[in-house]
Structures are given as C-alpha cells and as structure tokens.
C-alpha cells in the first residue's frame, strides 16, 4: 500500500495558492501552497480552497480528501503581512459569516484528513478542525490564538472543538489562546495521531488509501452525514437517518459486493456513486447542502 503523494490529474498549477492532485485510488491531495508565507491565507486563497472542496465533492472519482501544507508549515493563519489587514471591520449585512471557507470540510460527502505537517495557527487550526481526521507533526506548534489578537476564534471553532473534545478541553484551547506542541493535540483529543513531521503526510495518505479502497463511497457519505448530525441531533433524528440509510443501502449492489469481497478475501469493486445515488427525498436530502 503506497504512501506516495497523488500525482495524477493535477487540476492546479504549482504557483497557485491551492493545488489539487487526484490519484487512481480516488485520493485527492489538496495542498495549501504559499510556503514562503508559511501558507498564510488571504481571501483569494480561501476562495480557491472553497472552490476545490466544492469541485471534489461533486466528483465521483474522488473518494477521500487529504489536506496539507507545502513546505514546513500547515498554515500559519490569516495573512498579517499588512498590519491589521486581516482584522479590518467586515462588510456589514446579513451575508457576513465567521467561517470564510464555504463549503466547510465537514459539509462534504467525502471524508477529509488533515495532514498537519507543521505549524497550524489561528485560522489554520480552525480550518483543520473542520476535517474528519487530524494527523499532526511532533514539531508543530498549533493554537487558536484569536483572543490574543483582539478578536474571537473563527470558522465555527466554538462548535467544532466542543463537539470533538468537550467544553473543558475546548476552553483550554480557545480561552487561553496559547500555542501548544504537537503532542498536546493528542492529549487534548484535537488530533488522533502525532508523528515526526516527515511521516505525517505519508501516514495520512496510507490511512486515506485504505479507506478509499475498502469503504463504499455512498456508505461513507451517508455515515459522515449521520456522524456530524449526531452531535446536535436527537436520538430520534439519528435513528431515522440510520434507518433510512439501511433501507437505501441494504440489498443494493454495494452491500452484496461488500459481503462477497469479505468472504472471498479480495478488494471490493464498488459501483455506487455519490452524485448519482444520493437520495433526493427524505432525511438526507433535507440536510444542509454543500454551498
């Protein structure tokens, strides 16, 4: 099982602030690509990330997404090269939202792995919190430092962090506004794995490849939607979604193939497609769409 970064079907030029490459197993490697600025994000960069997310969500050849940073950092946060520029008064009106990335990674129907290969500060960390899995470098410094910049944490991090680690650990991260070493991300439950920086992306790709090959895309998509709904949903809501998924999936070709592949000890050959087979009525169709 190779951990080589995807090289096929690159959809961005190397000088672009966000690059995308998709390999034959359906792994999309999305790279924040401003290494000279430690991948600090400007508005145009976040727009490029948002467009990449939306495009990948609608591409049935993509089964899982890995998000990482070029060079020695994951993302150092909002670009502060112009003093105070990142924290100017926002446009007034009903369209302003604290999360500049739309769609957010948790809204996608594909799992997203954050390969935090280096420092992840402020907006860099709050965007990583949108992902389903986080692998972090031992050498990385990370933190949600906005209270030390005169603002508050963004990108709905008060929600993503509390649902991931609970109020007590979220308070340590958000209210203190400190920088933490990579190992503290595992201690606090913010990341699932802490590895030497050189191993983070290969480990994330190996993990992603196993999921891309072994898990049915439509099952993954529905499971992810149920999982992110469960934090706020009631028991009855989750029961309804699980029951609806069972009715849609059981007896379908992928359910038959999954059992046959396991019995025959061979890789499965999935035929279900997320865009074609996503339900157009019922609880799944009523969940917030990718915007």
C-alpha atoms as a PDB file:
ATOM      1  CA  UNK A   1       0.000   0.000   0.000  1.00  0.00           C
ATOM      2  CA  UNK A   2       1.829   3.072  -1.265  1.00  0.00           C
ATOM      3  CA  UNK A   3       2.072   6.351   0.601  1.00  0.00           C
ATOM      4  CA  UNK A   4       3.309   8.250  -2.459  1.00  0.00           C
ATOM      5  CA  UNK A   5       1.528  11.600  -2.868  1.00  0.00           C
ATOM      6  CA  UNK A   6      -1.012  11.598  -5.697  1.00  0.00           C
ATOM      7  CA  UNK A   7       0.428  12.906  -8.954  1.00  0.00           C
ATOM      8  CA  UNK A   8      -2.291  12.159 -11.475  1.00  0.00           C
ATOM      9  CA  UNK A   9      -4.851  14.577 -12.887  1.00  0.00           C
ATOM     10  CA  UNK A  10      -3.424  17.692 -11.283  1.00  0.00           C
ATOM     11  CA  UNK A  11      -6.023  20.448 -11.509  1.00  0.00           C
ATOM     12  CA  UNK A  12      -3.958  23.459 -10.447  1.00  0.00           C
ATOM     13  CA  UNK A  13      -0.631  24.942 -11.455  1.00  0.00           C
ATOM     14  CA  UNK A  14       2.233  24.797  -8.984  1.00  0.00           C
ATOM     15  CA  UNK A  15       2.203  28.572  -8.475  1.00  0.00           C
ATOM     16  CA  UNK A  16      -1.453  28.539  -7.461  1.00  0.00           C
ATOM     17  CA  UNK A  17      -2.181  29.117  -3.744  1.00  0.00           C
ATOM     18  CA  UNK A  18      -4.115  25.833  -3.554  1.00  0.00           C
ATOM     19  CA  UNK A  19      -3.166  22.804  -5.654  1.00  0.00           C
ATOM     20  CA  UNK A  20      -5.138  19.605  -6.219  1.00  0.00           C
ATOM     21  CA  UNK A  21      -3.988  16.211  -7.482  1.00  0.00           C
ATOM     22  CA  UNK A  22      -6.127  13.069  -7.686  1.00  0.00           C
ATOM     23  CA  UNK A  23      -4.644   9.578  -7.936  1.00  0.00           C
ATOM     24  CA  UNK A  24      -6.026   6.338  -9.316  1.00  0.00           C
ATOM     25  CA  UNK A  25      -7.361   5.205  -5.940  1.00  0.00           C
ATOM     26  CA  UNK A  26      -9.544   8.302  -5.625  1.00  0.00           C
ATOM     27  CA  UNK A  27      -7.383  10.226  -3.152  1.00  0.00           C
ATOM     28  CA  UNK A  28      -7.413  13.985  -3.704  1.00  0.00           C
ATOM     29  CA  UNK A  29      -4.377  15.722  -2.226  1.00  0.00           C
ATOM     30  CA  UNK A  30      -5.198  19.382  -1.574  1.00  0.00           C
ATOM     31  CA  UNK A  31      -2.138  21.481  -0.727  1.00  0.00           C
ATOM     32  CA  UNK A  32      -2.064  24.995   0.679  1.00  0.00           C
ATOM     33  CA  UNK A  33       0.735  26.343  -1.488  1.00  0.00           C
ATOM     34  CA  UNK A  34       2.317  29.559  -0.169  1.00  0.00           C
ATOM     35  CA  UNK A  35       5.367  28.051   1.537  1.00  0.00           C
ATOM     36  CA  UNK A  36       7.263  31.358   1.513  1.00  0.00           C
ATOM     37  CA  UNK A  37       4.471  32.785   3.745  1.00  0.00           C
ATOM     38  CA  UNK A  38       4.074  29.559   5.796  1.00  0.00           C
ATOM     39  CA  UNK A  39       0.825  29.086   3.844  1.00  0.00           C
ATOM     40  CA  UNK A  40      -0.813  32.141   5.420  1.00  0.00           C
ATOM     41  CA  UNK A  41      -4.240  32.634   3.900  1.00  0.00           C
ATOM     42  CA  UNK A  42      -5.598  35.628   2.018  1.00  0.00           C
ATOM     43  CA  UNK A  43      -9.201  35.936   0.915  1.00  0.00           C
ATOM     44  CA  UNK A  44      -8.360  34.691  -2.576  1.00  0.00           C
ATOM     45  CA  UNK A  45      -6.640  31.610  -1.133  1.00  0.00           C
ATOM     46  CA  UNK A  46      -9.659  30.686   0.945  1.00  0.00           C
ATOM     47  CA  UNK A  47     -11.814  31.147  -2.140  1.00  0.00           C
ATOM     48  CA  UNK A  48      -9.561  28.742  -4.034  1.00  0.00           C
ATOM     49  CA  UNK A  49      -9.850  26.193  -1.210  1.00  0.00           C
ATOM     50  CA  UNK A  50     -13.630  26.558  -1.183  1.00  0.00           C
ATOM     51  CA  UNK A  51     -13.857  26.013  -4.942  1.00  0.00           C
ATOM     52  CA  UNK A  52     -11.611  22.965  -4.692  1.00  0.00           C
ATOM     53  CA  UNK A  53     -13.788  21.475  -1.956  1.00  0.00           C
ATOM     54  CA  UNK A  54     -16.997  22.023  -3.933  1.00  0.00           C
ATOM     55  CA  UNK A  55     -15.477  20.549  -7.089  1.00  0.00           C
ATOM     56  CA  UNK A  56     -14.136  17.469  -5.300  1.00  0.00           C
ATOM     57  CA  UNK A  57     -17.460  16.835  -3.570  1.00  0.00           C
ATOM     58  CA  UNK A  58     -19.190  16.570  -6.943  1.00  0.00           C
ATOM     59  CA  UNK A  59     -16.507  14.329  -8.496  1.00  0.00           C
ATOM     60  CA  UNK A  60     -17.350  10.634  -8.114  1.00  0.00           C
ATOM     61  CA  UNK A  61     -13.777   9.682  -8.972  1.00  0.00           C
ATOM     62  CA  UNK A  62     -12.748  11.247  -5.642  1.00  0.00           C
ATOM     63  CA  UNK A  63     -13.343   9.079  -2.588  1.00  0.00           C
ATOM     64  CA  UNK A  64     -11.350  10.867   0.120  1.00  0.00           C
ATOM     65  CA  UNK A  65      -9.510  14.175   0.517  1.00  0.00           C
ATOM     66  CA  UNK A  66      -6.184  14.853   2.266  1.00  0.00           C
ATOM     67  CA  UNK A  67      -5.467  18.488   3.168  1.00  0.00           C
ATOM     68  CA  UNK A  68      -1.866  19.537   3.855  1.00  0.00           C
ATOM     69  CA  UNK A  69       0.548  22.444   3.531  1.00  0.00           C
ATOM     70  CA  UNK A  70       3.555  22.979   1.281  1.00  0.00           C
ATOM     71  CA  UNK A  71       6.935  23.379   2.905  1.00  0.00           C
ATOM     72  CA  UNK A  72       7.482  23.350   6.656  1.00  0.00           C
ATOM     73  CA  UNK A  73       4.070  24.646   7.816  1.00  0.00           C
ATOM     74  CA  UNK A  74       0.485  23.525   7.507  1.00  0.00           C
ATOM     75  CA  UNK A  75      -0.980  27.024   7.741  1.00  0.00           C
ATOM     76  CA  UNK A  76       0.175  29.952   9.846  1.00  0.00           C
ATOM     77  CA  UNK A  77      -3.288  31.515   9.804  1.00  0.00           C
ATOM     78  CA  UNK A  78      -4.631  34.654   8.209  1.00  0.00           C
ATOM     79  CA  UNK A  79      -2.076  36.670   6.267  1.00  0.00           C
ATOM     80  CA  UNK A  80      -0.995  39.525   8.564  1.00  0.00           C
ATOM     81  CA  UNK A  81       1.602  40.952   6.201  1.00  0.00           C
ATOM     82  CA  UNK A  82      -0.420  44.162   6.080  1.00  0.00           C
ATOM     83  CA  UNK A  83      -0.681  45.374   9.677  1.00  0.00           C
ATOM     84  CA  UNK A  84      -4.185  44.724  10.927  1.00  0.00           C
ATOM     85  CA  UNK A  85      -5.357  43.864   7.430  1.00  0.00           C
ATOM     86  CA  UNK A  86      -6.828  40.518   8.395  1.00  0.00           C
ATOM     87  CA  UNK A  87      -8.944  42.034  11.166  1.00  0.00           C
ATOM     88  CA  UNK A  88     -10.453  45.083   9.459  1.00  0.00           C
ATOM     89  CA  UNK A  89     -14.137  45.835  10.000  1.00  0.00           C
ATOM     90  CA  UNK A  90     -16.094  43.250   7.980  1.00  0.00           C
ATOM     91  CA  UNK A  91     -18.709  44.151   5.449  1.00  0.00           C
ATOM     92  CA  UNK A  92     -21.974  44.795   7.205  1.00  0.00           C
ATOM     93  CA  UNK A  93     -25.170  42.980   6.403  1.00  0.00           C
ATOM     94  CA  UNK A  94     -26.731  39.567   6.637  1.00  0.00           C
ATOM     95  CA  UNK A  95     -24.171  37.778   4.435  1.00  0.00           C
ATOM     96  CA  UNK A  96     -21.158  38.043   6.739  1.00  0.00           C
ATOM     97  CA  UNK A  97     -20.115  34.711   8.275  1.00  0.00           C
ATOM     98  CA  UNK A  98     -17.249  33.931  10.606  1.00  0.00           C
ATOM     99  CA  UNK A  99     -16.192  30.946   8.501  1.00  0.00           C
ATOM    100  CA  UNK A 100     -14.639  32.180   5.256  1.00  0.00           C
ATOM    101  CA  UNK A 101     -14.440  28.688   3.747  1.00  0.00           C
ATOM    102  CA  UNK A 102     -17.689  27.627   2.101  1.00  0.00           C
ATOM    103  CA  UNK A 103     -18.336  24.727   1.943  1.00  0.00           C
ATOM    104  CA  UNK A 104     -16.681  23.662   5.162  1.00  0.00           C
ATOM    105  CA  UNK A 105     -14.902  20.317   5.106  1.00  0.00           C
ATOM    106  CA  UNK A 106     -17.467  18.682   7.395  1.00  0.00           C
ATOM    107  CA  UNK A 107     -20.210  19.568   4.889  1.00  0.00           C
ATOM    108  CA  UNK A 108     -18.597  17.480   2.172  1.00  0.00           C
ATOM    109  CA  UNK A 109     -19.749  13.945   1.455  1.00  0.00           C
ATOM    110  CA  UNK A 110     -16.163  12.727   1.262  1.00  0.00           C
ATOM    111  CA  UNK A 111     -14.019  12.149   4.369  1.00  0.00           C
ATOM    112  CA  UNK A 112     -11.274  14.768   4.829  1.00  0.00           C
ATOM    113  CA  UNK A 113      -7.958  14.034   6.534  1.00  0.00           C
ATOM    114  CA  UNK A 114      -5.866  16.977   7.773  1.00  0.00           C
ATOM    115  CA  UNK A 115      -2.155  16.139   7.449  1.00  0.00           C
ATOM    116  CA  UNK A 116      -0.844  18.882   9.746  1.00  0.00           C
ATOM    117  CA  UNK A 117       2.777  18.706   8.655  1.00  0.00           C
ATOM    118  CA  UNK A 118       3.900  21.801  10.570  1.00  0.00           C
ATOM    119  CA  UNK A 119       2.651  24.886  12.399  1.00  0.00           C
ATOM    120  CA  UNK A 120      -1.136  25.392  12.411  1.00  0.00           C
ATOM    121  CA  UNK A 121      -2.058  28.738  13.939  1.00  0.00           C
ATOM    122  CA  UNK A 122      -5.331  30.628  14.219  1.00  0.00           C
ATOM    123  CA  UNK A 123      -7.370  30.202  11.052  1.00  0.00           C
ATOM    124  CA  UNK A 124      -5.004  27.423  10.014  1.00  0.00           C
ATOM    125  CA  UNK A 125      -6.047  25.378  13.019  1.00  0.00           C
ATOM    126  CA  UNK A 126      -9.728  26.261  12.893  1.00  0.00           C
ATOM    127  CA  UNK A 127      -9.871  25.080   9.269  1.00  0.00           C
ATOM    128  CA  UNK A 128      -8.165  21.830  10.307  1.00  0.00           C
ATOM    129  CA  UNK A 129     -10.920  21.382  12.899  1.00  0.00           C
ATOM    130  CA  UNK A 130     -13.401  21.117  10.006  1.00  0.00           C
ATOM    131  CA  UNK A 131     -11.746  17.861   8.941  1.00  0.00           C
ATOM    132  CA  UNK A 132     -12.837  14.387   9.994  1.00  0.00           C
ATOM    133  CA  UNK A 133      -9.345  13.207  10.972  1.00  0.00           C
ATOM    134  CA  UNK A 134      -6.205  15.067  12.037  1.00  0.00           C
ATOM    135  CA  UNK A 135      -2.617  13.792  11.968  1.00  0.00           C
ATOM    136  CA  UNK A 136      -0.140  16.280  13.422  1.00  0.00           C
ATOM    137  CA  UNK A 137       3.636  16.701  13.439  1.00  0.00           C
ATOM    138  CA  UNK A 138       5.524  16.391  16.705  1.00  0.00           C
ATOM    139  CA  UNK A 139       7.469  19.517  15.733  1.00  0.00           C
ATOM    140  CA  UNK A 140       4.336  21.546  15.013  1.00  0.00           C
ATOM    141  CA  UNK A 141       3.159  24.453  17.102  1.00  0.00           C
ATOM    142  CA  UNK A 142      -0.586  24.850  16.975  1.00  0.00           C
ATOM    143  CA  UNK A 143      -3.181  27.001  18.625  1.00  0.00           C
ATOM    144  CA  UNK A 144      -6.327  29.060  18.244  1.00  0.00           C
ATOM    145  CA  UNK A 145      -4.818  32.376  19.244  1.00  0.00           C
ATOM    146  CA  UNK A 146      -7.515  34.840  18.212  1.00  0.00           C
ATOM    147  CA  UNK A 147      -8.257  36.121  21.741  1.00  0.00           C
ATOM    148  CA  UNK A 148      -4.619  37.306  21.777  1.00  0.00           C
ATOM    149  CA  UNK A 149      -5.233  39.229  18.560  1.00  0.00           C
ATOM    150  CA  UNK A 150      -8.218  41.199  19.835  1.00  0.00           C
ATOM    151  CA  UNK A 151     -10.889  39.082  18.141  1.00  0.00           C
ATOM    152  CA  UNK A 152     -12.551  35.705  18.810  1.00  0.00           C
ATOM    153  CA  UNK A 153     -11.965  32.262  17.280  1.00  0.00           C
ATOM    154  CA  UNK A 154     -13.485  31.806  13.841  1.00  0.00           C
ATOM    155  CA  UNK A 155     -14.679  29.175  11.387  1.00  0.00           C
ATOM    156  CA  UNK A 156     -17.285  27.882  13.877  1.00  0.00           C
ATOM    157  CA  UNK A 157     -14.469  26.556  16.086  1.00  0.00           C
ATOM    158  CA  UNK A 158     -16.581  27.045  19.217  1.00  0.00           C
ATOM    159  CA  UNK A 159     -18.795  24.321  17.721  1.00  0.00           C
ATOM    160  CA  UNK A 160     -16.264  22.013  16.053  1.00  0.00           C
ATOM    161  CA  UNK A 161     -13.908  21.967  19.027  1.00  0.00           C
ATOM    162  CA  UNK A 162     -16.570  21.490  21.696  1.00  0.00           C
ATOM    163  CA  UNK A 163     -18.173  18.635  19.753  1.00  0.00           C
ATOM    164  CA  UNK A 164     -14.757  16.998  19.279  1.00  0.00           C
ATOM    165  CA  UNK A 165     -13.181  17.372  22.724  1.00  0.00           C
ATOM    166  CA  UNK A 166     -15.801  18.748  25.148  1.00  0.00           C
ATOM    167  CA  UNK A 167     -16.109  22.103  26.880  1.00  0.00           C
ATOM    168  CA  UNK A 168     -13.205  21.719  29.319  1.00  0.00           C
ATOM    169  CA  UNK A 169     -10.574  20.923  26.687  1.00  0.00           C
ATOM    170  CA  UNK A 170     -12.076  23.464  24.273  1.00  0.00           C
ATOM    171  CA  UNK A 171     -11.771  26.142  26.960  1.00  0.00           C
ATOM    172  CA  UNK A 172      -8.081  25.336  27.389  1.00  0.00           C
ATOM    173  CA  UNK A 173      -7.561  25.868  23.667  1.00  0.00           C
ATOM    174  CA  UNK A 174      -9.911  28.773  22.903  1.00  0.00           C
ATOM    175  CA  UNK A 175      -9.822  30.878  26.063  1.00  0.00           C
ATOM    176  CA  UNK A 176      -6.099  30.545  26.751  1.00  0.00           C
ATOM    177  CA  UNK A 177      -5.187  31.300  23.142  1.00  0.00           C
ATOM    178  CA  UNK A 178      -1.833  29.612  23.680  1.00  0.00           C
ATOM    179  CA  UNK A 179       0.481  27.766  21.337  1.00  0.00           C
ATOM    180  CA  UNK A 180       0.750  24.042  22.064  1.00  0.00           C
ATOM    181  CA  UNK A 181       3.233  21.379  20.942  1.00  0.00           C
ATOM    182  CA  UNK A 182       2.033  18.667  18.584  1.00  0.00           C
ATOM    183  CA  UNK A 183       1.820  16.073  21.348  1.00  0.00           C
ATOM    184  CA  UNK A 184      -0.733  18.175  23.232  1.00  0.00           C
ATOM    185  CA  UNK A 185      -3.117  17.825  20.299  1.00  0.00           C
ATOM    186  CA  UNK A 186      -3.408  14.124  21.090  1.00  0.00           C
ATOM    187  CA  UNK A 187      -3.579  14.761  24.846  1.00  0.00           C
ATOM    188  CA  UNK A 188      -6.482  17.164  24.362  1.00  0.00           C
ATOM    189  CA  UNK A 189      -8.213  14.982  21.774  1.00  0.00           C
ATOM    190  CA  UNK A 190      -7.713  17.517  18.983  1.00  0.00           C
ATOM    191  CA  UNK A 191      -5.723  15.070  16.831  1.00  0.00           C
ATOM    192  CA  UNK A 192      -5.720  11.298  16.622  1.00  0.00           C
ATOM    193  CA  UNK A 193      -2.046  10.801  15.749  1.00  0.00           C
ATOM    194  CA  UNK A 194       1.199  12.675  16.427  1.00  0.00           C
ATOM    195  CA  UNK A 195       4.196  11.727  14.274  1.00  0.00           C
ATOM    196  CA  UNK A 196       7.546  13.135  13.143  1.00  0.00           C
ATOM    197  CA  UNK A 197       6.892  15.821  10.545  1.00  0.00           C
ATOM    198  CA  UNK A 198       8.359  13.750   7.710  1.00  0.00           C
ATOM    199  CA  UNK A 199       5.919  10.921   8.481  1.00  0.00           C
ATOM    200  CA  UNK A 200       2.697  12.921   8.715  1.00  0.00           C
ATOM    201  CA  UNK A 201       1.722  13.095   5.051  1.00  0.00           C
ATOM    202  CA  UNK A 202       2.788   9.515   4.199  1.00  0.00           C
ATOM    203  CA  UNK A 203       0.810   8.201   7.189  1.00  0.00           C
ATOM    204  CA  UNK A 204      -2.230  10.281   6.238  1.00  0.00           C
ATOM    205  CA  UNK A 205      -2.071   9.024   2.647  1.00  0.00           C
ATOM    206  CA  UNK A 206      -1.725   5.398   3.738  1.00  0.00           C
ATOM    207  CA  UNK A 207      -4.729   5.840   6.044  1.00  0.00           C
ATOM    208  CA  UNK A 208      -6.694   7.560   3.280  1.00  0.00           C
ATOM    209  CA  UNK A 209      -5.838   4.894   0.713  1.00  0.00           C
ATOM    210  CA  UNK A 210      -7.131   2.126   2.939  1.00  0.00           C
ATOM    211  CA  UNK A 211     -10.452   3.943   3.314  1.00  0.00           C
ATOM    212  CA  UNK A 212     -10.647   4.832  -0.391  1.00  0.00           C
ATOM    213  CA  UNK A 213     -10.211   1.216  -1.458  1.00  0.00           C
ATOM    214  CA  UNK A 214     -12.041  -0.678   1.277  1.00  0.00           C
ATOM    215  CA  UNK A 215     -15.055   1.542   2.111  1.00  0.00           C
ATOM    216  CA  UNK A 216     -18.054   2.028  -0.161  1.00  0.00           C
ATOM    217  CA  UNK A 217     -18.289   5.678  -1.284  1.00  0.00           C
ATOM    218  CA  UNK A 218     -22.042   6.021  -0.752  1.00  0.00           C
ATOM    219  CA  UNK A 219     -21.839   4.332   2.651  1.00  0.00           C
ATOM    220  CA  UNK A 220     -19.013   6.700   3.622  1.00  0.00           C
ATOM    221  CA  UNK A 221     -21.008   9.732   2.531  1.00  0.00           C
ATOM    222  CA  UNK A 222     -24.104   8.743   4.500  1.00  0.00           C
ATOM    223  CA  UNK A 223     -22.108   7.695   7.561  1.00  0.00           C
ATOM    224  CA  UNK A 224     -20.305  11.043   7.569  1.00  0.00           C
ATOM    225  CA  UNK A 225     -23.570  12.987   7.380  1.00  0.00           C
ATOM    226  CA  UNK A 226     -25.056  10.958  10.233  1.00  0.00           C
ATOM    227  CA  UNK A 227     -21.898  11.396  12.318  1.00  0.00           C
ATOM    228  CA  UNK A 228     -21.776  15.180  12.021  1.00  0.00           C
ATOM    229  CA  UNK A 229     -25.540  15.407  12.601  1.00  0.00           C
ATOM    230  CA  UNK A 230     -25.329  13.259  15.728  1.00  0.00           C
ATOM    231  CA  UNK A 231     -23.532  15.908  17.802  1.00  0.00           C
ATOM    232  CA  UNK A 232     -26.559  18.194  17.672  1.00  0.00           C
ATOM    233  CA  UNK A 233     -29.275  15.736  16.733  1.00  0.00           C
ATOM    234  CA  UNK A 234     -31.669  13.872  18.946  1.00  0.00           C
ATOM    235  CA  UNK A 235     -31.760  10.122  19.352  1.00  0.00           C
ATOM    236  CA  UNK A 236     -34.848  10.005  17.139  1.00  0.00           C
ATOM    237  CA  UNK A 237     -33.155  12.046  14.381  1.00  0.00           C
ATOM    238  CA  UNK A 238     -30.121   9.778  14.303  1.00  0.00           C
ATOM    239  CA  UNK A 239     -32.314   6.670  14.419  1.00  0.00           C
ATOM    240  CA  UNK A 240     -34.322   7.964  11.453  1.00  0.00           C
ATOM    241  CA  UNK A 241     -31.194   8.683   9.400  1.00  0.00           C
ATOM    242  CA  UNK A 242     -29.619   5.318  10.176  1.00  0.00           C
ATOM    243  CA  UNK A 243     -32.869   3.549   9.342  1.00  0.00           C
ATOM    244  CA  UNK A 244     -33.215   5.467   6.079  1.00  0.00           C
ATOM    245  CA  UNK A 245     -29.618   4.624   5.141  1.00  0.00           C
ATOM    246  CA  UNK A 246     -30.216   0.954   5.845  1.00  0.00           C
ATOM    247  CA  UNK A 247     -33.300   0.962   3.642  1.00  0.00           C
ATOM    248  CA  UNK A 248     -31.378   2.621   0.820  1.00  0.00           C
ATOM    249  CA  UNK A 249     -28.208   0.564   1.044  1.00  0.00           C
ATOM    250  CA  UNK A 250     -29.184  -2.933   2.178  1.00  0.00           C
ATOM    251  CA  UNK A 251     -29.710  -5.251  -0.758  1.00  0.00           C
ATOM    252  CA  UNK A 252     -28.141  -2.740  -3.149  1.00  0.00           C
ATOM    253  CA  UNK A 253     -25.176  -3.828  -5.321  1.00  0.00           C
ATOM    254  CA  UNK A 254     -22.528  -2.430  -2.976  1.00  0.00           C
ATOM    255  CA  UNK A 255     -23.968  -4.243   0.039  1.00  0.00           C
ATOM    256  CA  UNK A 256     -23.894  -7.510  -1.880  1.00  0.00           C
ATOM    257  CA  UNK A 257     -20.379  -6.774  -3.156  1.00  0.00           C
ATOM    258  CA  UNK A 258     -19.085  -5.872   0.300  1.00  0.00           C
ATOM    259  CA  UNK A 259     -20.145  -9.186   1.757  1.00  0.00           C
ATOM    260  CA  UNK A 260     -18.833 -11.148  -1.232  1.00  0.00           C
ATOM    261  CA  UNK A 261     -15.461  -9.365  -1.171  1.00  0.00           C
ATOM    262  CA  UNK A 262     -15.036 -10.004   2.543  1.00  0.00           C
ATOM    263  CA  UNK A 263     -15.923 -13.690   2.128  1.00  0.00           C
ATOM    264  CA  UNK A 264     -13.603 -14.082  -0.868  1.00  0.00           C
ATOM    265  CA  UNK A 265     -10.831 -12.032   0.786  1.00  0.00           C
ATOM    266  CA  UNK A 266     -10.368  -9.674  -2.144  1.00  0.00           C
ATOM    267  CA  UNK A 267     -10.611  -5.920  -2.646  1.00  0.00           C
ATOM    268  CA  UNK A 268     -14.195  -4.795  -3.211  1.00  0.00           C
ATOM    269  CA  UNK A 269     -15.377  -3.386  -6.526  1.00  0.00           C
ATOM    270  CA  UNK A 270     -17.775  -0.585  -5.645  1.00  0.00           C
ATOM    271  CA  UNK A 271     -20.329   0.629  -8.179  1.00  0.00           C
ATOM    272  CA  UNK A 272     -22.396   3.067  -6.104  1.00  0.00           C
ATOM    273  CA  UNK A 273     -21.831   6.734  -6.947  1.00  0.00           C
ATOM    274  CA  UNK A 274     -22.479   9.565  -4.542  1.00  0.00           C
ATOM    275  CA  UNK A 275     -23.758  12.150  -7.008  1.00  0.00           C
ATOM    276  CA  UNK A 276     -25.963   9.686  -8.898  1.00  0.00           C
ATOM    277  CA  UNK A 277     -27.321   7.728  -5.944  1.00  0.00           C
ATOM    278  CA  UNK A 278     -27.654  10.397  -3.250  1.00  0.00           C
ATOM    279  CA  UNK A 279     -31.306  10.405  -2.090  1.00  0.00           C
ATOM    280  CA  UNK A 280     -33.462  13.249  -3.386  1.00  0.00           C
ATOM    281  CA  UNK A 281     -36.103  12.860  -0.680  1.00  0.00           C
ATOM    282  CA  UNK A 282     -36.150  12.012   2.996  1.00  0.00           C
ATOM    283  CA  UNK A 283     -33.796  12.971   5.787  1.00  0.00           C
ATOM    284  CA  UNK A 284     -30.562  13.004   3.772  1.00  0.00           C
ATOM    285  CA  UNK A 285     -31.934  15.382   1.173  1.00  0.00           C
ATOM    286  CA  UNK A 286     -33.048  17.725   3.963  1.00  0.00           C
ATOM    287  CA  UNK A 287     -29.570  18.042   5.493  1.00  0.00           C
ATOM    288  CA  UNK A 288     -27.642  21.254   4.755  1.00  0.00           C
ATOM    289  CA  UNK A 289     -26.271  21.095   1.194  1.00  0.00           C
ATOM    290  CA  UNK A 290     -22.742  21.820   0.127  1.00  0.00           C
ATOM    291  CA  UNK A 291     -22.858  25.570  -0.583  1.00  0.00           C
END
